[in-house]
Protein backbone atom coordinates (compact mmCIF):
# COMPACT_ATOMS: atom_id res chain seq x y z
CA UNK A 1 -108.59 -3.26 -99.38
CA UNK A 2 -105.31 -4.17 -101.05
CA UNK A 3 -102.27 -3.28 -99.22
CA UNK A 4 -98.96 -4.40 -99.85
CA UNK A 5 -95.98 -5.44 -97.13
CA UNK A 6 -93.96 -3.04 -99.57
CA UNK A 7 -96.35 -0.11 -99.21
CA UNK A 8 -96.04 -0.50 -95.84
CA UNK A 9 -92.14 -0.78 -94.90
CA UNK A 10 -92.00 2.17 -97.21
CA UNK A 11 -94.10 4.70 -95.21
CA UNK A 12 -92.93 3.77 -92.43
CA UNK A 13 -89.54 4.37 -93.56
CA UNK A 14 -90.31 7.70 -94.67
CA UNK A 15 -92.35 8.28 -91.47
CA UNK A 16 -90.00 7.33 -89.29
CA UNK A 17 -86.99 9.09 -90.98
CA UNK A 18 -88.46 12.25 -91.39
CA UNK A 19 -87.78 12.18 -95.68
CA UNK A 20 -87.99 10.28 -98.87
CA UNK A 21 -84.34 10.35 -99.45
CA UNK A 22 -83.01 8.64 -96.05
CA UNK A 23 -86.34 6.28 -96.61
CA UNK A 24 -85.43 5.54 -99.98
CA UNK A 25 -81.97 4.00 -99.13
CA UNK A 26 -83.00 2.59 -96.14
CA UNK A 27 -85.49 0.46 -98.12
CA UNK A 28 -83.41 -0.22 -101.20
CA UNK A 29 -85.48 1.71 -103.94
CA UNK A 30 -85.25 5.18 -105.65
CA UNK A 31 -86.30 8.26 -104.03
CA UNK A 32 -88.87 8.07 -107.16
CA UNK A 33 -89.99 4.52 -106.33
CA UNK A 34 -89.83 5.17 -102.92
CA UNK A 35 -92.84 8.26 -102.94
CA UNK A 36 -94.69 6.14 -105.80
CA UNK A 37 -95.19 3.32 -103.43
CA UNK A 38 -96.59 5.68 -100.88
CA UNK A 39 -98.71 7.63 -102.91
CA UNK A 40 -100.23 4.41 -103.68
CA UNK A 41 -100.53 3.04 -100.50
CA UNK A 42 -102.66 6.33 -99.80
CA UNK A 43 -105.08 6.35 -102.39
CA UNK A 44 -105.93 2.24 -101.35
CA UNK A 45 -106.84 4.21 -97.98
CA UNK A 46 -108.49 6.80 -99.49
CA UNK A 47 -106.72 9.40 -97.23
CA UNK A 48 -103.59 11.30 -97.47
CA UNK A 49 -100.59 10.23 -94.72
CA UNK A 50 -97.90 12.94 -95.13
CA UNK A 51 -97.98 16.23 -95.99
CA UNK A 52 -95.51 17.05 -98.56
CA UNK A 53 -92.84 20.40 -99.04
CA UNK A 54 -90.21 21.11 -101.15
CA UNK A 55 -88.86 21.40 -97.48
CA UNK A 56 -90.44 18.47 -95.13
CA UNK A 57 -92.72 15.93 -94.53
CA UNK A 58 -95.56 15.64 -92.54
CA UNK A 59 -97.64 13.46 -90.73
CA UNK A 60 -101.11 13.98 -90.94
CA UNK A 61 -103.36 12.75 -88.24
CA UNK A 62 -104.00 9.73 -89.72
CA UNK A 63 -100.38 8.86 -90.88
CA UNK A 64 -99.22 9.42 -87.05
CA UNK A 65 -101.58 6.87 -86.40
CA UNK A 66 -100.69 4.56 -89.08
CA UNK A 67 -97.23 5.06 -87.45
CA UNK A 68 -97.57 4.47 -84.28
CA UNK A 69 -99.37 0.85 -84.95
CA UNK A 70 -97.64 -0.01 -88.12
CA UNK A 71 -93.99 0.52 -86.33
CA UNK A 72 -95.61 -1.91 -83.45
CA UNK A 73 -96.89 -4.25 -85.99
CA UNK A 74 -93.87 -4.40 -88.02
CA UNK A 75 -91.31 -5.05 -85.21
CA UNK A 76 -93.27 -7.93 -83.75
CA UNK A 77 -93.52 -9.03 -87.16
CA UNK A 78 -89.65 -8.95 -87.17
CA UNK A 79 -89.19 -11.01 -84.19
CA UNK A 80 -91.26 -13.41 -85.46
CA UNK A 81 -90.44 -14.18 -89.27
CA UNK A 82 -86.84 -14.07 -86.69
CA UNK A 83 -87.68 -16.48 -84.47
CA UNK A 84 -89.36 -18.81 -87.24
CA UNK A 85 -85.76 -18.13 -88.94
CA UNK A 86 -84.03 -20.19 -85.51
CA UNK A 87 -86.39 -22.53 -85.62
CA UNK A 88 -85.85 -23.54 -88.98
CA UNK A 89 -81.99 -23.64 -88.58
CA UNK A 90 -82.38 -25.76 -85.68
CA UNK A 91 -81.28 -23.22 -83.44
CA UNK A 92 -83.48 -22.97 -80.95
CA UNK A 93 -87.20 -24.93 -80.22
CA UNK A 94 -88.34 -27.17 -77.14
CA UNK A 95 -89.00 -30.01 -77.35
CA UNK A 96 -90.71 -32.81 -75.27
CA UNK A 97 -89.25 -36.07 -74.72
CA UNK A 98 -90.44 -38.55 -71.97
CA UNK A 99 -88.43 -41.72 -71.47
CA UNK A 100 -88.48 -45.23 -68.90
CA UNK A 101 -86.88 -44.35 -65.43
CA UNK A 102 -83.90 -46.54 -66.38
CA UNK A 103 -83.05 -44.78 -68.92
CA UNK A 104 -83.58 -41.21 -67.72
CA UNK A 105 -81.56 -42.46 -64.92
CA UNK A 106 -78.65 -44.02 -67.07
CA UNK A 107 -78.39 -43.10 -70.32
CA UNK A 108 -80.41 -39.76 -70.33
CA UNK A 109 -77.59 -37.43 -68.61
CA UNK A 110 -75.05 -38.07 -70.73
CA UNK A 111 -77.41 -37.49 -73.86
CA UNK A 112 -78.59 -34.37 -72.10
CA UNK A 113 -75.79 -32.55 -71.73
CA UNK A 114 -74.06 -33.36 -75.21
CA UNK A 115 -77.64 -32.01 -76.42
CA UNK A 116 -76.52 -29.20 -74.35
CA UNK A 117 -72.85 -28.14 -75.63
CA UNK A 118 -74.06 -29.59 -79.30
CA UNK A 119 -77.92 -27.71 -79.41
CA UNK A 120 -77.37 -24.85 -77.05
CA UNK A 121 -80.62 -23.19 -78.21
CA UNK A 122 -82.69 -26.41 -78.00
CA UNK A 123 -84.44 -26.96 -74.92
CA UNK A 124 -84.77 -30.42 -73.54
CA UNK A 125 -88.18 -30.78 -71.29
CA UNK A 126 -87.52 -34.52 -69.93
CA UNK A 127 -90.68 -37.02 -68.53
CA UNK A 128 -89.83 -40.26 -66.96
CA UNK A 129 -92.97 -42.03 -66.99
CA UNK A 130 -93.65 -46.01 -67.54
CA UNK A 131 -93.30 -47.56 -71.09
CA UNK A 132 -96.96 -47.75 -71.51
CA UNK A 133 -96.95 -44.11 -70.63
CA UNK A 134 -94.33 -43.31 -72.83
CA UNK A 135 -96.15 -45.03 -75.67
CA UNK A 136 -99.69 -43.54 -75.00
CA UNK A 137 -98.27 -40.14 -74.89
CA UNK A 138 -96.57 -40.16 -78.57
CA UNK A 139 -99.73 -41.75 -79.56
CA UNK A 140 -102.01 -38.12 -78.17
CA UNK A 141 -98.79 -36.17 -79.44
CA UNK A 142 -98.70 -34.60 -75.97
CA UNK A 143 -94.68 -35.48 -76.43
CA UNK A 144 -92.82 -35.40 -79.82
CA UNK A 145 -90.02 -38.15 -78.77
CA UNK A 146 -90.19 -41.28 -76.62
CA UNK A 147 -87.79 -43.75 -75.17
CA UNK A 148 -88.83 -47.22 -73.69
CA UNK A 149 -87.52 -50.73 -73.33
CA UNK A 150 -89.19 -54.03 -74.41
CA UNK A 151 -91.97 -52.44 -75.86
CA UNK A 152 -94.11 -54.16 -78.75
CA UNK A 153 -94.63 -52.37 -81.54
CA UNK A 154 -97.78 -50.12 -81.44
CA UNK A 155 -99.86 -48.34 -84.30
CA UNK A 156 -99.17 -45.07 -85.85
CA UNK A 157 -95.66 -44.94 -84.42
CA UNK A 158 -91.91 -45.47 -86.05
CA UNK A 159 -89.64 -46.62 -84.25
CA UNK A 160 -86.00 -46.50 -84.21
CA UNK A 161 -83.70 -49.40 -82.08
CA UNK A 162 -80.93 -47.74 -80.39
CA UNK A 163 -79.08 -50.31 -77.98
CA UNK A 164 -79.81 -53.84 -76.51
CA UNK A 165 -80.02 -54.26 -72.73
CA UNK A 166 -79.50 -57.26 -71.32
CA UNK A 167 -80.97 -59.10 -68.03
CA UNK A 168 -79.74 -59.06 -64.88
CA UNK A 169 -80.41 -60.75 -61.45
CA UNK A 170 -80.14 -58.16 -58.08
CA UNK A 171 -79.50 -60.04 -55.23
CA UNK A 172 -78.13 -58.76 -51.74
CA UNK A 173 -73.85 -59.21 -51.73
CA UNK A 174 -74.44 -62.23 -48.69
CA UNK A 175 -76.78 -63.90 -50.99
CA UNK A 176 -75.42 -67.58 -51.95
CA UNK A 177 -76.03 -66.54 -55.38
CA UNK A 178 -73.74 -63.37 -55.59
CA UNK A 179 -70.61 -65.80 -55.75
CA UNK A 180 -71.48 -66.82 -59.15
CA UNK A 181 -70.55 -64.67 -62.25
CA UNK A 182 -73.20 -65.83 -64.49
CA UNK A 183 -76.39 -67.30 -62.64
CA UNK A 184 -78.29 -69.79 -64.70
CA UNK A 185 -82.29 -69.41 -64.87
CA UNK A 186 -82.64 -72.94 -63.41
CA UNK A 187 -80.60 -71.63 -60.26
CA UNK A 188 -84.28 -68.90 -59.61
CA UNK A 189 -86.98 -72.03 -59.18
CA UNK A 190 -88.38 -71.20 -56.04
CA UNK A 191 -87.25 -68.19 -55.44
CA UNK A 192 -89.22 -65.56 -53.70
CA UNK A 193 -88.62 -62.01 -56.49
CA UNK A 194 -89.75 -58.64 -56.60
CA UNK A 195 -90.60 -57.68 -59.74
CA UNK A 196 -91.25 -54.86 -62.27
CA UNK A 197 -95.01 -53.90 -63.05
CA UNK A 198 -97.23 -54.70 -66.06
CA UNK A 199 -96.83 -50.99 -67.13
CA UNK A 200 -92.49 -51.64 -67.36
CA UNK A 201 -91.59 -52.82 -71.13
CA UNK A 202 -89.70 -56.07 -69.77
CA UNK A 203 -92.61 -57.42 -67.70
CA UNK A 204 -94.29 -59.67 -70.00
CA UNK A 205 -90.71 -59.94 -71.62
CA UNK A 206 -89.26 -62.13 -68.22
CA UNK A 207 -92.95 -63.52 -67.60
CA UNK A 208 -93.08 -65.28 -70.30
CA UNK A 209 -88.85 -66.20 -70.73
CA UNK A 210 -89.69 -68.25 -67.03
CA UNK A 211 -92.74 -69.81 -68.65
CA UNK A 212 -90.65 -70.75 -71.61
CA UNK A 213 -88.05 -72.34 -69.20
CA UNK A 214 -90.04 -73.84 -67.08
CA UNK A 215 -88.94 -71.99 -64.00
CA UNK A 216 -91.39 -71.44 -61.20
CA UNK A 217 -90.69 -68.99 -59.15
CA UNK A 218 -92.82 -67.14 -56.14
CA UNK A 219 -93.36 -63.14 -57.06
CA UNK A 220 -93.85 -61.74 -54.07
CA UNK A 221 -94.24 -58.17 -55.16
CA UNK A 222 -94.70 -55.76 -58.22
CA UNK A 223 -93.54 -52.10 -58.19
CA UNK A 224 -93.93 -49.55 -60.91
CA UNK A 225 -90.64 -47.71 -60.20
CA UNK A 226 -87.13 -49.84 -60.47
CA UNK A 227 -85.46 -48.01 -57.35
CA UNK A 228 -88.92 -49.19 -55.45
CA UNK A 229 -87.95 -52.49 -56.67
CA UNK A 230 -84.29 -52.37 -55.08
CA UNK A 231 -85.29 -51.18 -52.41
CA UNK A 232 -87.70 -54.42 -51.56
CA UNK A 233 -84.71 -56.28 -52.66
CA UNK A 234 -82.47 -54.68 -50.30
CA UNK A 235 -84.69 -54.80 -47.29
CA UNK A 236 -84.62 -58.89 -48.03
CA UNK A 237 -88.11 -59.32 -49.74
CA UNK A 238 -86.41 -61.43 -52.07
CA UNK A 239 -84.79 -61.31 -55.68
CA UNK A 240 -85.78 -59.59 -58.55
CA UNK A 241 -84.40 -59.76 -62.66
CA UNK A 242 -84.35 -56.44 -64.24
CA UNK A 243 -82.72 -54.84 -67.43
CA UNK A 244 -78.97 -53.78 -66.41
CA UNK A 245 -79.39 -50.55 -66.89
CA UNK A 246 -82.14 -50.54 -64.02
CA UNK A 247 -80.23 -52.77 -61.98
CA UNK A 248 -77.65 -50.61 -61.03
CA UNK A 249 -77.75 -48.33 -58.14
CA UNK A 250 -75.77 -46.10 -55.90
CA UNK A 251 -78.35 -45.92 -53.39
CA UNK A 252 -78.24 -49.64 -53.16
CA UNK A 253 -74.54 -50.44 -52.17
CA UNK A 254 -75.35 -53.82 -50.84
CA UNK A 255 -76.91 -55.27 -54.30
CA UNK A 256 -75.22 -56.74 -56.74
CA UNK A 257 -76.18 -57.39 -60.14
CA UNK A 258 -75.33 -60.86 -61.90
CA UNK A 259 -75.32 -61.72 -65.50
CA UNK A 260 -78.40 -64.10 -66.61
CA UNK A 261 -78.21 -67.05 -68.83
CA UNK A 262 -77.56 -68.91 -70.92
CA UNK A 263 -79.36 -67.80 -72.98
CA UNK A 264 -78.83 -64.19 -72.56
CA UNK A 265 -82.54 -62.14 -72.44
CA UNK A 266 -82.25 -58.85 -74.01
CA UNK A 267 -84.57 -56.13 -74.31
CA UNK A 268 -84.49 -53.44 -77.05
CA UNK A 269 -84.51 -49.75 -76.08
CA UNK A 270 -86.02 -47.85 -78.96
CA UNK A 271 -87.17 -44.80 -79.55
CA UNK A 272 -90.69 -43.76 -81.17
CA UNK A 273 -91.96 -40.76 -82.59
CA UNK A 274 -95.82 -40.05 -84.79
CA UNK A 275 -95.43 -41.85 -87.76
CA UNK A 276 -97.76 -39.17 -89.32
CA UNK A 277 -96.48 -36.27 -88.21
CA UNK A 278 -92.59 -34.27 -88.74
CA UNK A 279 -90.35 -33.63 -86.10
CA UNK A 280 -89.76 -30.34 -85.78
CA UNK A 281 -86.30 -28.89 -86.92
CA UNK A 282 -85.31 -28.84 -83.20
CA UNK A 283 -86.78 -32.51 -82.27
CA UNK A 284 -85.47 -33.66 -85.17
CA UNK A 285 -82.12 -32.33 -84.26
CA UNK A 286 -82.30 -34.15 -80.83
CA UNK A 287 -83.48 -37.62 -82.70
CA UNK A 288 -80.25 -37.65 -84.80
CA UNK A 289 -77.82 -36.65 -81.77
CA UNK A 290 -79.89 -39.41 -79.54
CA UNK A 291 -78.96 -42.15 -82.53
CA UNK A 292 -75.60 -40.86 -82.76
CA UNK A 293 -74.76 -41.39 -78.36
CA UNK A 294 -77.00 -44.65 -78.50
CA UNK A 295 -73.99 -46.39 -80.16
CA UNK A 296 -72.62 -49.12 -78.10
CA UNK A 297 -69.37 -49.67 -77.18
CA UNK A 298 -67.29 -52.45 -78.31
């Protein structure tokens, strides 16, 4: 069978409106063209769908069956087409995003608030994960957009630099180094240090920098979550070297974050997506918005 969308539209208009004149007005055809179109559908199906008289049009049993099913299917199709149009117009969509905890707690709240206001029908689902997990999930296509810091380029991913994030020393307020405006790297020699673990993008960067500067520290703990590191420093387990976005916490008022340098060590905060896949319209709109909002203040 070769039934066309035009034929089905014409028949349903006649069936629902009870006549060819009103149906023709509804679908924008002449009355004769509407009648011919319905007749073509009947010929294609090999069954009469309408009983026509000079005064009225009545559905046959076959016509009533097609009208009931066809009306439901056409309604679902219309809804689907409208939804696809909305997606294409960036008005509607669901975007999965993963980022490292330091970005989730510092930058993302303002970015997501802006997304709510400027992309009101885009639903953002946010996961906070380690840098290695963010990369893995983007590579596997589990999420569309990933944001991490200090990571090495991974195959198959497209990167966009958002901003830089300097490393700070975190210590208790009563620690001797807390009195310094800027802590020198050499001041850390021999200190006990609580580190972010190897799944953090900044871990290897900090370790290599200490080796390059020939500064020996005593690493007492490595933990995955920034807040866990801060809790250990607050408890007196040691100092920590952390990205500035991870170093501030209202939950630990007894700690201070001090600038480290020279030289100043910075990690790059980057957004990433699959290189071989186009972003959905909603995800592309969010990607563009994040780049706009990530511009560092002067």
